[in-house]
Amino acid sequence: MIRIQTEDFDVGAEIKNLVSGKGNIGGVCSFIGLVRDFSGNEPNGENITSLTLEHYPGMTEKQLEKIETQARQRWDLIETLIIHRVGQLQPSEQIVLVATAAAHRDAAFESAKFIMDFLKTEAPFWKKELGNKGAKWVAAKQSDSAKKETWENE
């Protein structure tokens, strides 16, 4: 399941819904991304007061479906969930939830990591940080591309 939304989500309720009635699930792995209060990779970066996420409706969902399909082709997954928020968010707010459910934990762990790594590089989201030095668009990180390349070279 894939959802793009402005409203927050309840992780517990989402996971409960993901596994409800499915006795063949042996493991669930989830990742929750939060808005940081600093820019960049270091906590001593610029202070961030808000983050605005934009996307291209239709194209974004299609790309996330492609990523989900790739994960399902690599691992025997029972359920998947990707929720990504858009709009203006404040530090500590949830941005993304990726959850995968499988009969065995390895598939759940690896597929969740795979989905996040591809989401960071392939999904058409644009981030604009507002901080103490004004507003700026966030550039793609080489480290995210390197993680994706690792999966492609397996």
N, C-alpha and C. Protein backbone atom coordinates (compact mmCIF):
# COMPACT_ATOMS: atom_id res chain seq x y z
N MET A 1 0.85 -1.17 0.00
CA MET A 1 0.00 0.00 0.00
C MET A 1 0.90 1.24 0.00
N ILE A 2 0.50 2.23 -0.76
CA ILE A 2 1.25 3.48 -0.87
C ILE A 2 0.30 4.63 -0.65
N ARG A 3 0.72 5.57 0.21
CA ARG A 3 -0.09 6.77 0.44
C ARG A 3 0.82 8.00 0.51
N ILE A 4 0.40 9.04 -0.17
CA ILE A 4 1.02 10.36 -0.06
C ILE A 4 -0.03 11.23 0.61
N GLN A 5 0.35 11.90 1.71
CA GLN A 5 -0.66 12.64 2.47
C GLN A 5 -0.04 13.82 3.21
N THR A 6 -0.88 14.77 3.56
CA THR A 6 -0.42 15.91 4.36
C THR A 6 -0.55 15.62 5.85
N GLU A 7 -1.54 14.82 6.23
CA GLU A 7 -1.79 14.57 7.65
C GLU A 7 -0.80 13.56 8.23
N ASP A 8 -0.60 13.65 9.54
CA ASP A 8 0.28 12.74 10.26
C ASP A 8 -0.33 11.34 10.27
N PHE A 9 0.44 10.37 10.69
CA PHE A 9 -0.02 8.98 10.77
C PHE A 9 0.32 8.41 12.14
N ASP A 10 -0.45 7.41 12.53
CA ASP A 10 -0.26 6.70 13.79
C ASP A 10 0.44 5.39 13.47
N VAL A 11 1.72 5.30 13.82
CA VAL A 11 2.53 4.14 13.46
C VAL A 11 1.92 2.85 14.01
N GLY A 12 1.51 2.87 15.26
CA GLY A 12 0.93 1.67 15.86
C GLY A 12 -0.30 1.19 15.12
N ALA A 13 -1.18 2.12 14.78
CA ALA A 13 -2.40 1.77 14.06
C ALA A 13 -2.07 1.25 12.66
N GLU A 14 -1.08 1.86 12.02
CA GLU A 14 -0.70 1.43 10.67
C GLU A 14 -0.14 0.02 10.69
N ILE A 15 0.72 -0.29 11.65
CA ILE A 15 1.31 -1.63 11.74
C ILE A 15 0.22 -2.66 12.09
N LYS A 16 -0.66 -2.30 13.01
CA LYS A 16 -1.76 -3.20 13.38
C LYS A 16 -2.61 -3.53 12.15
N ASN A 17 -2.91 -2.53 11.36
CA ASN A 17 -3.69 -2.73 10.14
C ASN A 17 -2.92 -3.58 9.13
N LEU A 18 -1.62 -3.39 9.05
CA LEU A 18 -0.77 -4.12 8.10
C LEU A 18 -0.80 -5.62 8.37
N VAL A 19 -0.79 -6.02 9.65
CA VAL A 19 -0.69 -7.45 10.00
C VAL A 19 -2.03 -8.10 10.35
N SER A 20 -3.05 -7.31 10.49
CA SER A 20 -4.36 -7.82 10.93
C SER A 20 -4.85 -8.98 10.08
N GLY A 21 -5.13 -10.10 10.75
CA GLY A 21 -5.68 -11.26 10.08
C GLY A 21 -4.71 -12.06 9.25
N LYS A 22 -3.42 -11.78 9.38
CA LYS A 22 -2.42 -12.46 8.56
C LYS A 22 -1.48 -13.28 9.47
N GLY A 23 -1.87 -14.51 9.77
CA GLY A 23 -1.10 -15.36 10.65
C GLY A 23 0.19 -15.88 10.06
N ASN A 24 0.41 -15.66 8.76
CA ASN A 24 1.64 -16.13 8.13
C ASN A 24 2.79 -15.13 8.25
N ILE A 25 2.56 -13.99 8.86
CA ILE A 25 3.62 -12.99 9.05
C ILE A 25 4.44 -13.38 10.28
N GLY A 26 5.75 -13.48 10.08
CA GLY A 26 6.65 -13.81 11.18
C GLY A 26 7.48 -12.63 11.62
N GLY A 27 7.55 -11.59 10.80
CA GLY A 27 8.33 -10.42 11.17
C GLY A 27 7.89 -9.18 10.41
N VAL A 28 7.94 -8.05 11.11
CA VAL A 28 7.64 -6.76 10.51
C VAL A 28 8.80 -5.84 10.82
N CYS A 29 9.25 -5.13 9.83
CA CYS A 29 10.30 -4.13 10.04
C CYS A 29 9.74 -2.78 9.59
N SER A 30 9.96 -1.76 10.40
CA SER A 30 9.48 -0.44 10.03
C SER A 30 10.57 0.60 10.21
N PHE A 31 10.48 1.62 9.39
CA PHE A 31 11.37 2.78 9.49
C PHE A 31 10.48 4.00 9.51
N ILE A 32 10.75 4.89 10.46
CA ILE A 32 10.02 6.16 10.56
C ILE A 32 11.03 7.28 10.40
N GLY A 33 10.85 8.11 9.39
CA GLY A 33 11.71 9.26 9.18
C GLY A 33 11.09 10.49 9.82
N LEU A 34 11.93 11.28 10.49
CA LEU A 34 11.48 12.49 11.18
C LEU A 34 12.17 13.72 10.62
N VAL A 35 11.54 14.87 10.78
CA VAL A 35 12.16 16.15 10.39
C VAL A 35 13.20 16.51 11.45
N ARG A 36 14.41 16.73 11.01
CA ARG A 36 15.48 17.16 11.94
C ARG A 36 15.41 18.67 12.11
N ASP A 37 16.02 19.15 13.18
CA ASP A 37 16.05 20.60 13.42
C ASP A 37 17.37 21.22 12.96
N PHE A 38 18.10 20.49 12.12
CA PHE A 38 19.35 21.01 11.56
C PHE A 38 19.47 20.57 10.11
N SER A 39 20.24 21.31 9.35
CA SER A 39 20.45 21.05 7.94
C SER A 39 21.71 20.22 7.74
N GLY A 40 21.70 19.36 6.75
CA GLY A 40 22.89 18.59 6.43
C GLY A 40 23.04 17.35 7.29
N ASN A 41 24.27 16.81 7.29
CA ASN A 41 24.53 15.57 8.01
C ASN A 41 25.02 15.78 9.43
N GLU A 42 25.37 16.97 9.80
CA GLU A 42 25.94 17.22 11.12
C GLU A 42 24.97 18.01 11.99
N PRO A 43 24.81 17.61 13.27
CA PRO A 43 23.89 18.34 14.17
C PRO A 43 24.25 19.80 14.38
N ASN A 44 25.49 20.19 14.09
CA ASN A 44 25.87 21.59 14.26
C ASN A 44 25.64 22.40 12.97
N GLY A 45 24.84 21.85 12.05
CA GLY A 45 24.50 22.57 10.83
C GLY A 45 23.51 23.68 11.12
N GLU A 46 23.04 24.30 10.07
CA GLU A 46 22.07 25.40 10.21
C GLU A 46 20.80 24.92 10.91
N ASN A 47 20.26 25.74 11.80
CA ASN A 47 18.99 25.42 12.46
C ASN A 47 17.85 25.51 11.45
N ILE A 48 16.97 24.51 11.50
CA ILE A 48 15.83 24.43 10.60
C ILE A 48 14.55 24.67 11.41
N THR A 49 13.71 25.55 10.92
CA THR A 49 12.45 25.82 11.60
C THR A 49 11.28 25.10 10.94
N SER A 50 11.42 24.75 9.65
CA SER A 50 10.39 23.96 8.96
C SER A 50 10.98 23.36 7.69
N LEU A 51 10.29 22.33 7.22
CA LEU A 51 10.66 21.65 5.98
C LEU A 51 9.39 21.52 5.15
N THR A 52 9.46 21.97 3.91
CA THR A 52 8.32 21.85 3.00
C THR A 52 8.65 20.81 1.96
N LEU A 53 7.77 19.82 1.82
CA LEU A 53 7.96 18.76 0.83
C LEU A 53 6.92 18.92 -0.26
N GLU A 54 7.41 18.90 -1.49
CA GLU A 54 6.54 18.96 -2.66
C GLU A 54 6.74 17.68 -3.46
N HIS A 55 5.75 17.35 -4.27
CA HIS A 55 5.86 16.16 -5.12
C HIS A 55 5.06 16.37 -6.38
N TYR A 56 5.22 15.45 -7.30
CA TYR A 56 4.50 15.49 -8.56
C TYR A 56 3.42 14.41 -8.49
N PRO A 57 2.16 14.80 -8.17
CA PRO A 57 1.09 13.81 -8.02
C PRO A 57 0.97 12.91 -9.26
N GLY A 58 0.75 11.65 -9.01
CA GLY A 58 0.66 10.67 -10.09
C GLY A 58 2.01 10.07 -10.38
N MET A 59 2.99 10.90 -10.67
CA MET A 59 4.34 10.42 -10.94
C MET A 59 4.96 9.84 -9.67
N THR A 60 4.73 10.49 -8.55
CA THR A 60 5.31 10.04 -7.29
C THR A 60 4.78 8.66 -6.93
N GLU A 61 3.48 8.48 -6.98
CA GLU A 61 2.88 7.18 -6.65
C GLU A 61 3.39 6.10 -7.60
N LYS A 62 3.49 6.43 -8.88
CA LYS A 62 3.97 5.46 -9.87
C LYS A 62 5.40 5.02 -9.55
N GLN A 63 6.23 5.97 -9.17
CA GLN A 63 7.63 5.63 -8.85
C GLN A 63 7.71 4.79 -7.57
N LEU A 64 6.89 5.12 -6.57
CA LEU A 64 6.88 4.33 -5.34
C LEU A 64 6.36 2.92 -5.61
N GLU A 65 5.39 2.78 -6.50
CA GLU A 65 4.90 1.45 -6.88
C GLU A 65 6.02 0.64 -7.55
N LYS A 66 6.82 1.30 -8.36
CA LYS A 66 7.94 0.62 -9.02
C LYS A 66 8.95 0.13 -7.98
N ILE A 67 9.26 0.96 -6.99
CA ILE A 67 10.19 0.57 -5.93
C ILE A 67 9.62 -0.60 -5.13
N GLU A 68 8.34 -0.52 -4.80
CA GLU A 68 7.69 -1.60 -4.06
C GLU A 68 7.73 -2.91 -4.87
N THR A 69 7.49 -2.84 -6.16
CA THR A 69 7.54 -4.02 -7.02
C THR A 69 8.93 -4.62 -7.04
N GLN A 70 9.95 -3.77 -7.12
CA GLN A 70 11.33 -4.27 -7.11
C GLN A 70 11.63 -5.00 -5.80
N ALA A 71 11.15 -4.47 -4.68
CA ALA A 71 11.36 -5.12 -3.39
C ALA A 71 10.66 -6.47 -3.36
N ARG A 72 9.45 -6.53 -3.88
CA ARG A 72 8.70 -7.79 -3.89
C ARG A 72 9.35 -8.83 -4.80
N GLN A 73 10.04 -8.38 -5.83
CA GLN A 73 10.75 -9.31 -6.72
C GLN A 73 11.99 -9.89 -6.04
N ARG A 74 12.59 -9.15 -5.12
CA ARG A 74 13.81 -9.60 -4.43
C ARG A 74 13.50 -10.46 -3.20
N TRP A 75 12.41 -10.14 -2.51
CA TRP A 75 12.07 -10.82 -1.25
C TRP A 75 10.64 -11.31 -1.29
N ASP A 76 10.38 -12.37 -0.53
CA ASP A 76 9.04 -12.92 -0.42
C ASP A 76 8.29 -12.14 0.66
N LEU A 77 7.66 -11.05 0.27
CA LEU A 77 6.97 -10.17 1.20
C LEU A 77 5.48 -10.47 1.22
N ILE A 78 4.92 -10.38 2.40
CA ILE A 78 3.48 -10.60 2.55
C ILE A 78 2.73 -9.27 2.42
N GLU A 79 3.28 -8.23 3.04
CA GLU A 79 2.67 -6.90 2.98
C GLU A 79 3.76 -5.84 2.94
N THR A 80 3.44 -4.71 2.35
CA THR A 80 4.31 -3.53 2.38
C THR A 80 3.44 -2.30 2.61
N LEU A 81 4.07 -1.29 3.19
CA LEU A 81 3.39 -0.02 3.41
C LEU A 81 4.41 1.11 3.26
N ILE A 82 4.06 2.08 2.44
CA ILE A 82 4.86 3.30 2.30
C ILE A 82 3.91 4.47 2.47
N ILE A 83 4.16 5.27 3.49
CA ILE A 83 3.41 6.52 3.69
C ILE A 83 4.43 7.64 3.65
N HIS A 84 4.21 8.62 2.81
CA HIS A 84 5.10 9.78 2.74
C HIS A 84 4.26 11.04 2.84
N ARG A 85 4.66 11.91 3.73
CA ARG A 85 3.93 13.16 3.90
C ARG A 85 4.49 14.24 2.98
N VAL A 86 3.64 15.19 2.64
CA VAL A 86 4.02 16.38 1.89
C VAL A 86 3.44 17.59 2.59
N GLY A 87 3.87 18.76 2.17
CA GLY A 87 3.42 20.00 2.81
C GLY A 87 4.47 20.51 3.78
N GLN A 88 4.07 21.45 4.60
CA GLN A 88 5.00 22.05 5.55
C GLN A 88 5.01 21.25 6.86
N LEU A 89 6.20 20.84 7.27
CA LEU A 89 6.38 20.05 8.48
C LEU A 89 7.36 20.74 9.42
N GLN A 90 7.21 20.46 10.70
CA GLN A 90 8.06 21.06 11.73
C GLN A 90 9.06 20.03 12.24
N PRO A 91 10.17 20.48 12.84
CA PRO A 91 11.11 19.54 13.43
C PRO A 91 10.41 18.57 14.38
N SER A 92 10.84 17.33 14.34
CA SER A 92 10.33 16.20 15.13
C SER A 92 9.06 15.58 14.56
N GLU A 93 8.46 16.18 13.53
CA GLU A 93 7.29 15.57 12.91
C GLU A 93 7.72 14.41 12.02
N GLN A 94 6.82 13.44 11.86
CA GLN A 94 7.06 12.28 11.01
C GLN A 94 6.92 12.69 9.54
N ILE A 95 7.88 12.19 8.73
CA ILE A 95 7.82 12.43 7.29
C ILE A 95 7.40 11.17 6.55
N VAL A 96 8.01 10.04 6.91
CA VAL A 96 7.84 8.83 6.13
C VAL A 96 7.74 7.61 7.04
N LEU A 97 6.95 6.65 6.60
CA LEU A 97 6.87 5.34 7.23
C LEU A 97 7.01 4.30 6.13
N VAL A 98 7.99 3.42 6.31
CA VAL A 98 8.13 2.26 5.45
C VAL A 98 8.03 1.05 6.36
N ALA A 99 7.12 0.14 6.03
CA ALA A 99 6.96 -1.09 6.81
C ALA A 99 6.85 -2.26 5.84
N THR A 100 7.56 -3.33 6.17
CA THR A 100 7.49 -4.55 5.37
C THR A 100 7.21 -5.72 6.30
N ALA A 101 6.41 -6.65 5.81
CA ALA A 101 6.04 -7.82 6.58
C ALA A 101 6.33 -9.06 5.75
N ALA A 102 6.95 -10.05 6.41
CA ALA A 102 7.33 -11.28 5.73
C ALA A 102 7.23 -12.45 6.70
N ALA A 103 7.36 -13.63 6.17
CA ALA A 103 7.33 -14.81 7.03
C ALA A 103 8.58 -14.86 7.91
N HIS A 104 9.68 -14.27 7.43
CA HIS A 104 10.95 -14.32 8.15
C HIS A 104 11.56 -12.92 8.26
N ARG A 105 12.27 -12.68 9.35
CA ARG A 105 12.79 -11.34 9.66
C ARG A 105 13.78 -10.80 8.64
N ASP A 106 14.65 -11.66 8.07
CA ASP A 106 15.65 -11.16 7.13
C ASP A 106 15.00 -10.44 5.95
N ALA A 107 13.95 -11.03 5.41
CA ALA A 107 13.27 -10.39 4.28
C ALA A 107 12.65 -9.07 4.70
N ALA A 108 12.09 -9.02 5.90
CA ALA A 108 11.49 -7.77 6.38
C ALA A 108 12.56 -6.69 6.57
N PHE A 109 13.67 -7.03 7.23
CA PHE A 109 14.74 -6.05 7.45
C PHE A 109 15.32 -5.54 6.14
N GLU A 110 15.74 -6.45 5.29
CA GLU A 110 16.42 -6.06 4.05
C GLU A 110 15.52 -5.28 3.12
N SER A 111 14.28 -5.70 2.99
CA SER A 111 13.38 -5.02 2.06
C SER A 111 13.04 -3.61 2.53
N ALA A 112 12.90 -3.40 3.83
CA ALA A 112 12.62 -2.05 4.34
C ALA A 112 13.79 -1.12 4.04
N LYS A 113 15.00 -1.62 4.24
CA LYS A 113 16.20 -0.82 3.94
C LYS A 113 16.28 -0.51 2.44
N PHE A 114 16.03 -1.51 1.62
CA PHE A 114 16.02 -1.34 0.17
C PHE A 114 15.03 -0.26 -0.26
N ILE A 115 13.80 -0.36 0.24
CA ILE A 115 12.75 0.61 -0.14
C ILE A 115 13.18 2.02 0.25
N MET A 116 13.70 2.19 1.46
CA MET A 116 14.14 3.55 1.88
C MET A 116 15.28 4.05 1.02
N ASP A 117 16.25 3.20 0.73
CA ASP A 117 17.39 3.63 -0.08
C ASP A 117 16.95 4.07 -1.47
N PHE A 118 16.01 3.35 -2.06
CA PHE A 118 15.53 3.73 -3.39
C PHE A 118 14.58 4.93 -3.33
N LEU A 119 13.78 5.00 -2.28
CA LEU A 119 12.88 6.14 -2.10
C LEU A 119 13.68 7.45 -2.06
N LYS A 120 14.80 7.43 -1.33
CA LYS A 120 15.62 8.64 -1.18
C LYS A 120 16.18 9.14 -2.51
N THR A 121 16.38 8.23 -3.47
CA THR A 121 17.03 8.63 -4.73
C THR A 121 16.10 8.64 -5.93
N GLU A 122 15.03 7.86 -5.89
CA GLU A 122 14.19 7.68 -7.08
C GLU A 122 12.82 8.35 -7.01
N ALA A 123 12.31 8.59 -5.82
CA ALA A 123 10.97 9.17 -5.71
C ALA A 123 11.03 10.69 -5.92
N PRO A 124 10.14 11.22 -6.73
CA PRO A 124 10.17 12.66 -7.04
C PRO A 124 9.55 13.52 -5.93
N PHE A 125 10.35 13.71 -4.88
CA PHE A 125 10.00 14.64 -3.80
C PHE A 125 11.04 15.75 -3.81
N TRP A 126 10.59 16.96 -3.52
CA TRP A 126 11.50 18.10 -3.42
C TRP A 126 11.34 18.70 -2.03
N LYS A 127 12.48 18.94 -1.38
CA LYS A 127 12.47 19.45 -0.01
C LYS A 127 13.05 20.86 0.04
N LYS A 128 12.35 21.72 0.76
CA LYS A 128 12.81 23.10 0.95
C LYS A 128 12.88 23.36 2.45
N GLU A 129 14.09 23.67 2.92
CA GLU A 129 14.30 23.95 4.34
C GLU A 129 14.17 25.45 4.59
N LEU A 130 13.54 25.77 5.69
CA LEU A 130 13.50 27.15 6.17
C LEU A 130 14.28 27.17 7.47
N GLY A 131 15.31 28.02 7.50
CA GLY A 131 16.16 28.07 8.68
C GLY A 131 16.55 29.48 9.04
N ASN A 132 17.50 29.58 9.96
CA ASN A 132 17.92 30.90 10.42
C ASN A 132 18.66 31.69 9.36
N LYS A 133 19.03 31.06 8.24
CA LYS A 133 19.69 31.77 7.14
C LYS A 133 18.78 31.89 5.92
N GLY A 134 17.48 31.64 6.11
CA GLY A 134 16.54 31.76 5.00
C GLY A 134 16.11 30.40 4.49
N ALA A 135 15.53 30.39 3.28
CA ALA A 135 15.03 29.16 2.68
C ALA A 135 15.99 28.66 1.61
N LYS A 136 16.09 27.31 1.51
CA LYS A 136 16.92 26.72 0.45
C LYS A 136 16.40 25.34 0.11
N TRP A 137 16.53 24.99 -1.17
CA TRP A 137 16.16 23.66 -1.63
C TRP A 137 17.26 22.69 -1.24
N VAL A 138 16.87 21.49 -0.85
CA VAL A 138 17.82 20.47 -0.41
C VAL A 138 18.30 19.69 -1.64
N ALA A 139 19.61 19.61 -1.79
CA ALA A 139 20.20 18.88 -2.91
C ALA A 139 20.30 17.39 -2.57
N ALA A 140 20.31 16.57 -3.61
CA ALA A 140 20.50 15.13 -3.42
C ALA A 140 21.87 14.87 -2.83
N LYS A 141 21.97 13.84 -2.00
CA LYS A 141 23.23 13.49 -1.34
C LYS A 141 23.92 12.35 -2.08
N GLN A 142 25.21 12.48 -2.27
CA GLN A 142 25.99 11.42 -2.90
C GLN A 142 25.92 10.13 -2.09
N SER A 143 25.85 10.25 -0.77
CA SER A 143 25.80 9.05 0.08
C SER A 143 24.53 8.25 -0.18
N ASP A 144 23.41 8.91 -0.47
CA ASP A 144 22.18 8.21 -0.79
C ASP A 144 22.31 7.47 -2.12
N SER A 145 22.93 8.10 -3.09
CA SER A 145 23.14 7.46 -4.39
C SER A 145 24.07 6.25 -4.26
N ALA A 146 25.07 6.36 -3.41
CA ALA A 146 26.00 5.25 -3.19
C ALA A 146 25.29 4.05 -2.57
N LYS A 147 24.36 4.29 -1.65
CA LYS A 147 23.61 3.19 -1.04
C LYS A 147 22.75 2.48 -2.09
N LYS A 148 22.12 3.26 -2.96
CA LYS A 148 21.31 2.69 -4.03
C LYS A 148 22.17 1.86 -4.97
N GLU A 149 23.34 2.36 -5.32
CA GLU A 149 24.25 1.64 -6.22
C GLU A 149 24.68 0.30 -5.63
N THR A 150 24.82 0.26 -4.33
CA THR A 150 25.19 -1.02 -3.68
C THR A 150 24.14 -2.07 -3.95
N TRP A 151 22.87 -1.69 -3.86
CA TRP A 151 21.78 -2.64 -4.15
C TRP A 151 21.81 -3.06 -5.62
N GLU A 152 22.07 -2.11 -6.51
CA GLU A 152 22.06 -2.40 -7.95
C GLU A 152 23.19 -3.34 -8.35
N ASN A 153 24.28 -3.32 -7.59
CA ASN A 153 25.44 -4.15 -7.90
C ASN A 153 25.40 -5.52 -7.26
N GLU A 154 24.33 -5.83 -6.54
CA GLU A 154 24.20 -7.16 -5.92
C GLU A 154 23.76 -8.18 -6.93
